[in-house]
Amino acid sequence: MPGQLEPEPVDQCPEPGEGIDIGGIDGTGADTERAPTRRLVLMGGGGEVDSAARQFVEAADGGDIVILRATGSLTSYPQYFSVTLAPDPVPATVVTVRTTRPESGGDPAVLCRVNRAEALWLAGGNQWHYLGRWPDTLHATLAAATARGVAMGGTSAGAVALGEAAFDAEFGTVTSLEALADPLRREVSISMPVFAQPELASTLVDSHFMERRREGRLLVFLARFLDARGEGPVVGVGLDEGVALVIEDEGYAVSSEGTGGAWLYEVAGPAQLASGVPLTLHGIRRVVLRNGAAGDWPFDFENATDARVLRVEDGVVMVGEAG
């Protein structure tokens, strides 16, 4: 009609190029510019923990949530986060960005959405897609998002990728027996993620923990991390399936859909590492945190009354100190 003002154009992110698929609940595509709560949510794989997932979604303060993955569904997480969990407030947008060709992760459509997000979730899959195949531009954009205080989370491979160090699976997976027998074998490949979360300083995460008998390999990863870092102690977090660890405001809380736990390890060393020689590692303390556990973060191993002392001798994990 004459005299009617034209609506302001919406500043949308560009359309994705080859190797990138985007789907979910996109609203108008405009940036909502909310103030998120800085909250880190880590899950061990299997089914999601609804209470912790809701905390992740609500940390976005009704803003934009982006799920990053290399394989899997475009619609499952948007439906789960925005409808199934019944969050308050409901996010303005929940979009999955699937880097079917991970090397294309620097596409402007991807970087734009990550830059606008109030909360970022890394789905499960293969962490090498995230750590070794995503380009430096996407890594840097994720680091910048962390620095500006967005909520972050991930499950399985997504949680593994968020530590200061990570088992990157460049050469495939490795079992506890294989890693303990030769801690310098090719498959024991450790990266230092550019977008490591500050709450996970000195920390390495593993998932599907007791279900896949991963204590031995986590201790090998920590020995390698300790050696690469040059000083300790370092901390390992082993998350069982259906278990979530939420870190916020220098505190932690554990929630579980079953009987699983969050297994925490402090490793001071020394470690004996030699090619083809089974691991020997001393100075290990272990605590298991079950559903409802909460306290200060970083975890205080020194004053943990239920901490167990472990050691590894010639590739065998033992309880108790040497001698």
Protein backbone atom coordinates (compact mmCIF):
# COMPACT_ATOMS: atom_id res chain seq x y z
CA MET A 1 0.00 0.00 0.00
CA PRO A 2 1.16 3.57 -0.62
CA GLY A 3 3.12 4.97 2.32
CA GLN A 4 3.61 1.55 3.97
CA LEU A 5 7.15 0.93 5.16
CA GLU A 6 9.01 -1.97 3.63
CA PRO A 7 10.17 -4.57 6.19
CA GLU A 8 13.83 -4.51 7.11
CA PRO A 9 15.75 -7.16 5.18
CA VAL A 10 16.90 -10.12 7.28
CA ASP A 11 20.65 -10.54 7.51
CA GLN A 12 20.78 -14.27 6.84
CA CYS A 13 23.79 -16.54 6.66
CA PRO A 14 24.75 -17.58 3.12
CA GLU A 15 23.62 -20.83 1.56
CA PRO A 16 26.04 -23.72 2.06
CA GLY A 17 28.37 -24.96 -0.63
CA GLU A 18 29.34 -28.47 -1.63
CA GLY A 19 29.99 -30.89 1.24
CA ILE A 20 27.78 -29.02 3.73
CA ASP A 21 24.17 -29.91 4.65
CA ILE A 22 22.04 -27.74 6.93
CA GLY A 23 18.66 -28.58 8.42
CA GLY A 24 16.46 -28.10 11.44
CA ILE A 25 14.44 -25.25 12.89
CA ASP A 26 15.75 -22.04 11.31
CA GLY A 27 13.07 -19.41 12.06
CA THR A 28 13.62 -16.26 10.02
CA GLY A 29 17.36 -16.86 9.87
CA ALA A 30 18.03 -13.61 11.74
CA ASP A 31 20.63 -13.48 14.52
CA THR A 32 18.84 -13.41 17.90
CA GLU A 33 21.80 -11.88 19.83
CA ARG A 34 21.00 -13.25 23.30
CA ALA A 35 23.28 -13.46 26.36
CA PRO A 36 24.10 -17.16 26.93
CA THR A 37 25.17 -18.77 30.19
CA ARG A 38 28.64 -20.24 29.98
CA ARG A 39 28.03 -23.93 30.65
CA LEU A 40 29.93 -27.04 29.52
CA VAL A 41 27.99 -30.30 29.12
CA LEU A 42 29.83 -33.57 28.40
CA MET A 43 28.12 -36.92 27.76
CA GLY A 44 29.56 -40.40 27.43
CA GLY A 45 27.53 -41.62 24.48
CA GLY A 46 24.53 -43.91 24.20
CA GLY A 47 21.26 -42.15 25.02
CA GLU A 48 21.34 -38.49 25.99
CA VAL A 49 20.76 -37.47 29.61
CA ASP A 50 17.63 -35.34 29.38
CA SER A 51 18.23 -33.20 32.48
CA ALA A 52 21.74 -32.23 31.37
CA ALA A 53 20.65 -31.71 27.76
CA ARG A 54 17.94 -29.34 28.99
CA GLN A 55 20.55 -27.38 30.95
CA PHE A 56 22.58 -27.06 27.75
CA VAL A 57 19.60 -25.83 25.72
CA GLU A 58 18.42 -23.38 28.39
CA ALA A 59 21.93 -21.92 28.61
CA ALA A 60 21.29 -20.43 25.15
CA ASP A 61 18.73 -18.06 26.74
CA GLY A 62 16.32 -18.45 23.84
CA GLY A 63 19.04 -17.83 21.27
CA ASP A 64 20.52 -19.88 18.45
CA ILE A 65 21.77 -23.44 18.87
CA VAL A 66 24.02 -25.09 16.30
CA ILE A 67 24.75 -28.83 16.23
CA LEU A 68 27.92 -29.77 14.37
CA ARG A 69 28.42 -33.27 13.01
CA ALA A 70 30.01 -35.10 10.08
CA THR A 71 27.46 -37.91 9.77
CA GLY A 72 23.92 -38.62 10.94
CA SER A 73 20.55 -36.91 11.03
CA LEU A 74 19.84 -33.27 10.28
CA THR A 75 16.59 -33.26 12.25
CA SER A 76 16.97 -35.46 15.34
CA TYR A 77 18.75 -32.95 17.57
CA PRO A 78 16.63 -29.94 16.53
CA GLN A 79 13.47 -31.88 17.42
CA TYR A 80 14.97 -33.18 20.67
CA PHE A 81 16.40 -29.86 21.86
CA SER A 82 13.46 -27.65 20.94
CA VAL A 83 10.41 -29.89 21.45
CA THR A 84 11.10 -33.13 23.32
CA LEU A 85 12.96 -31.47 26.20
CA ALA A 86 10.35 -28.70 26.57
CA PRO A 87 13.04 -26.14 27.50
CA ASP A 88 12.30 -22.75 29.01
CA PRO A 89 13.02 -20.57 27.16
CA VAL A 90 12.60 -22.33 23.84
CA PRO A 91 15.55 -21.58 21.53
CA ALA A 92 14.87 -19.28 18.59
CA THR A 93 16.63 -21.64 16.18
CA VAL A 94 18.13 -25.12 16.39
CA VAL A 95 20.09 -26.05 13.29
CA THR A 96 22.27 -29.01 12.42
CA VAL A 97 25.31 -28.32 10.27
CA ARG A 98 26.59 -31.57 8.79
CA THR A 99 30.06 -31.42 7.28
CA THR A 100 29.69 -34.47 5.05
CA ARG A 101 33.02 -33.43 3.58
CA PRO A 102 34.77 -32.21 6.77
CA GLU A 103 37.43 -30.31 4.81
CA SER A 104 34.62 -27.99 3.70
CA GLY A 105 33.99 -26.90 7.29
CA GLY A 106 35.40 -23.47 6.51
CA ASP A 107 32.43 -22.72 4.23
CA PRO A 108 31.07 -19.21 5.00
CA ALA A 109 27.67 -20.73 5.79
CA VAL A 110 29.24 -22.81 8.57
CA LEU A 111 31.39 -20.03 10.00
CA CYS A 112 28.45 -17.60 9.97
CA ARG A 113 26.23 -19.94 11.97
CA VAL A 114 28.95 -20.77 14.49
CA ASN A 115 29.68 -17.05 14.91
CA ARG A 116 26.01 -16.35 15.64
CA ALA A 117 25.38 -19.28 17.99
CA GLU A 118 24.62 -18.94 21.69
CA ALA A 119 25.19 -22.68 22.17
CA LEU A 120 27.24 -25.23 20.20
CA TRP A 121 26.89 -29.02 20.38
CA LEU A 122 29.31 -31.57 18.88
CA ALA A 123 27.53 -34.81 18.05
CA GLY A 124 29.04 -38.27 18.26
CA GLY A 125 30.83 -39.98 15.42
CA ASN A 126 34.53 -40.00 14.60
CA GLN A 127 36.56 -37.32 16.37
CA TRP A 128 39.19 -37.32 13.63
CA HIS A 129 36.64 -35.61 11.38
CA TYR A 130 36.55 -32.78 13.94
CA LEU A 131 40.17 -32.68 15.02
CA GLY A 132 42.05 -33.61 11.87
CA ARG A 133 39.79 -32.86 8.91
CA TRP A 134 37.94 -29.69 9.89
CA PRO A 135 40.01 -26.74 8.57
CA ASP A 136 41.88 -24.24 10.72
CA THR A 137 39.25 -21.57 10.00
CA LEU A 138 36.52 -23.62 11.69
CA HIS A 139 38.81 -24.53 14.59
CA ALA A 140 39.59 -20.84 15.12
CA THR A 141 35.90 -19.89 14.92
CA LEU A 142 35.04 -22.49 17.56
CA ALA A 143 37.83 -21.15 19.78
CA ALA A 144 36.46 -17.62 19.36
CA ALA A 145 32.95 -18.83 20.27
CA THR A 146 34.35 -20.37 23.44
CA ALA A 147 36.15 -17.12 24.28
CA ARG A 148 32.94 -15.12 23.99
CA GLY A 149 31.22 -17.41 26.49
CA VAL A 150 28.78 -19.55 24.53
CA ALA A 151 27.43 -22.75 26.04
CA MET A 152 29.31 -25.79 24.73
CA GLY A 153 28.58 -29.48 24.80
CA GLY A 154 29.15 -32.79 23.14
CA THR A 155 28.57 -36.50 23.39
CA SER A 156 30.92 -39.40 22.67
CA ALA A 157 33.41 -38.16 20.02
CA GLY A 158 32.06 -34.64 20.50
CA ALA A 159 32.94 -34.69 24.21
CA VAL A 160 36.35 -36.26 23.52
CA ALA A 161 37.24 -33.39 21.16
CA LEU A 162 36.80 -30.70 23.84
CA GLY A 163 39.70 -31.52 26.19
CA GLU A 164 43.12 -29.86 26.29
CA ALA A 165 44.35 -33.16 24.87
CA ALA A 166 42.32 -35.72 22.92
CA PHE A 167 42.68 -39.21 21.54
CA ASP A 168 42.13 -38.20 17.93
CA ALA A 169 41.60 -41.65 16.29
CA GLU A 170 43.64 -40.61 13.25
CA PHE A 171 44.70 -44.22 12.72
CA GLY A 172 41.55 -45.85 14.02
CA THR A 173 40.55 -46.95 17.48
CA VAL A 174 42.67 -48.82 20.02
CA THR A 175 41.74 -51.15 22.87
CA SER A 176 43.07 -51.02 26.41
CA LEU A 177 45.07 -54.23 25.93
CA GLU A 178 46.67 -52.93 22.73
CA ALA A 179 47.55 -49.54 24.21
CA LEU A 180 48.94 -50.94 27.48
CA ALA A 181 51.11 -53.41 25.57
CA ASP A 182 52.72 -50.65 23.48
CA PRO A 183 51.89 -47.06 24.53
CA LEU A 184 53.84 -45.66 21.56
CA ARG A 185 52.02 -47.67 18.92
CA ARG A 186 50.75 -45.75 15.90
CA GLU A 187 47.09 -45.95 16.92
CA VAL A 188 47.72 -44.13 20.22
CA SER A 189 47.49 -40.73 18.54
CA ILE A 190 47.02 -37.66 20.73
CA SER A 191 46.11 -34.14 19.57
CA MET A 192 45.93 -30.79 21.36
CA PRO A 193 42.64 -29.28 20.10
CA VAL A 194 42.70 -25.60 19.14
CA PHE A 195 39.18 -25.21 20.52
CA ALA A 196 39.89 -26.94 23.87
CA GLN A 197 37.55 -25.74 26.60
CA PRO A 198 39.17 -23.74 29.44
CA GLU A 199 37.32 -25.82 32.04
CA LEU A 200 39.21 -28.85 30.68
CA ALA A 201 42.73 -27.47 31.12
CA SER A 202 45.14 -30.35 31.80
CA THR A 203 42.28 -32.75 31.02
CA LEU A 204 41.58 -35.51 28.49
CA VAL A 205 38.12 -37.06 28.03
CA ASP A 206 37.11 -40.57 26.95
CA SER A 207 33.60 -41.97 26.38
CA HIS A 208 31.68 -45.28 26.37
CA PHE A 209 34.03 -45.89 29.26
CA MET A 210 33.25 -48.99 31.30
CA GLU A 211 31.02 -50.45 28.59
CA ARG A 212 34.07 -50.75 26.34
CA ARG A 213 36.65 -51.38 29.11
CA ARG A 214 38.61 -48.23 28.42
CA GLU A 215 40.38 -47.61 31.74
CA GLY A 216 43.67 -49.05 30.49
CA ARG A 217 43.76 -47.01 27.32
CA LEU A 218 42.80 -43.81 29.18
CA LEU A 219 45.80 -44.32 31.46
CA VAL A 220 47.99 -44.73 28.36
CA PHE A 221 46.54 -41.56 26.85
CA LEU A 222 47.27 -39.73 30.11
CA ALA A 223 50.85 -41.03 30.20
CA ARG A 224 51.37 -39.73 26.66
CA PHE A 225 49.68 -36.42 27.55
CA LEU A 226 51.88 -36.07 30.64
CA ASP A 227 54.99 -36.77 28.56
CA ALA A 228 53.99 -34.26 25.85
CA ARG A 229 53.04 -31.58 28.38
CA GLY A 230 56.28 -31.94 30.31
CA GLU A 231 54.63 -31.38 33.68
CA GLY A 232 51.74 -32.69 35.67
CA PRO A 233 49.50 -33.71 37.04
CA VAL A 234 47.06 -34.35 34.22
CA VAL A 235 43.44 -35.41 34.60
CA GLY A 236 41.37 -37.99 32.76
CA VAL A 237 37.59 -38.07 32.61
CA GLY A 238 36.02 -41.38 31.58
CA LEU A 239 32.27 -41.08 30.97
CA ASP A 240 30.03 -44.13 30.91
CA GLU A 241 27.13 -44.28 28.49
CA GLY A 242 24.08 -42.36 29.69
CA VAL A 243 26.20 -40.18 31.99
CA ALA A 244 26.62 -36.40 31.85
CA LEU A 245 29.13 -34.10 33.49
CA VAL A 246 28.03 -30.45 33.67
CA ILE A 247 30.63 -27.80 34.55
CA GLU A 248 29.67 -24.22 35.36
CA ASP A 249 30.96 -21.42 37.63
CA GLU A 250 33.87 -23.55 38.95
CA GLY A 251 31.49 -26.32 39.99
CA TYR A 252 30.47 -29.69 38.57
CA ALA A 253 27.43 -31.95 38.72
CA VAL A 254 26.97 -35.52 37.49
CA SER A 255 23.68 -36.91 36.23
CA SER A 256 22.95 -40.38 34.92
CA GLU A 257 20.09 -42.20 33.25
CA GLY A 258 21.28 -45.50 34.80
CA THR A 259 23.97 -46.88 37.08
CA GLY A 260 26.98 -45.52 35.19
CA GLY A 261 29.44 -42.97 36.48
CA ALA A 262 32.04 -40.37 35.66
CA TRP A 263 35.49 -41.84 36.33
CA LEU A 264 38.13 -39.23 37.22
CA TYR A 265 41.87 -39.92 37.20
CA GLU A 266 44.74 -37.75 38.34
CA VAL A 267 48.14 -38.82 37.01
CA ALA A 268 51.33 -37.31 38.39
CA GLY A 269 53.70 -39.95 37.04
CA PRO A 270 56.41 -40.89 36.47
CA ALA A 271 55.68 -42.76 33.26
CA GLN A 272 57.99 -45.13 31.42
CA LEU A 273 57.35 -44.96 27.68
CA ALA A 274 59.28 -46.99 25.14
CA SER A 275 58.32 -48.39 21.75
CA GLY A 276 57.12 -51.98 21.99
CA VAL A 277 57.46 -52.00 25.79
CA PRO A 278 54.35 -52.29 28.02
CA LEU A 279 53.46 -49.20 30.02
CA THR A 280 54.69 -48.56 33.54
CA LEU A 281 52.98 -45.62 35.22
CA HIS A 282 52.84 -44.51 38.86
CA GLY A 283 51.20 -41.64 40.74
CA ILE A 284 47.57 -42.40 39.81
CA ARG A 285 44.47 -41.57 41.83
CA ARG A 286 40.95 -42.59 40.76
CA VAL A 287 37.52 -41.40 41.90
CA VAL A 288 34.14 -42.50 40.51
CA LEU A 289 31.26 -39.99 40.65
CA ARG A 290 27.70 -41.29 40.48
CA ASN A 291 24.35 -39.65 39.78
CA GLY A 292 23.84 -36.58 41.94
CA ALA A 293 27.50 -36.00 42.77
CA ALA A 294 28.45 -32.31 42.80
CA GLY A 295 31.28 -30.13 44.04
CA ASP A 296 34.06 -27.75 43.11
CA TRP A 297 35.80 -27.87 39.74
CA PRO A 298 38.67 -28.56 39.09
CA PHE A 299 38.13 -31.69 41.16
CA ASP A 300 40.02 -31.84 44.47
CA PHE A 301 41.72 -35.24 44.43
CA GLU A 302 43.83 -34.37 47.46
CA ASN A 303 40.81 -34.27 49.77
CA ALA A 304 38.70 -36.97 48.12
CA THR A 305 38.09 -39.54 50.87
CA ASP A 306 37.10 -42.29 48.42
CA ALA A 307 40.07 -41.92 46.03
CA ARG A 308 41.77 -45.18 45.07
CA VAL A 309 45.49 -45.34 44.34
CA LEU A 310 46.43 -47.19 41.15
CA ARG A 311 49.59 -48.05 39.28
CA VAL A 312 50.47 -49.72 36.00
CA GLU A 313 53.26 -52.29 36.02
CA ASP A 314 54.40 -53.80 32.72
CA GLY A 315 51.06 -53.09 31.09
CA VAL A 316 48.89 -54.34 33.97
CA VAL A 317 46.65 -51.96 35.96
CA MET A 318 46.89 -52.64 39.70
CA VAL A 319 45.26 -51.20 42.80
CA GLY A 320 47.62 -49.82 45.44
CA GLU A 321 51.06 -48.25 45.45
CA ALA A 322 54.20 -50.16 44.52
CA GLY A 323 55.74 -52.06 47.44
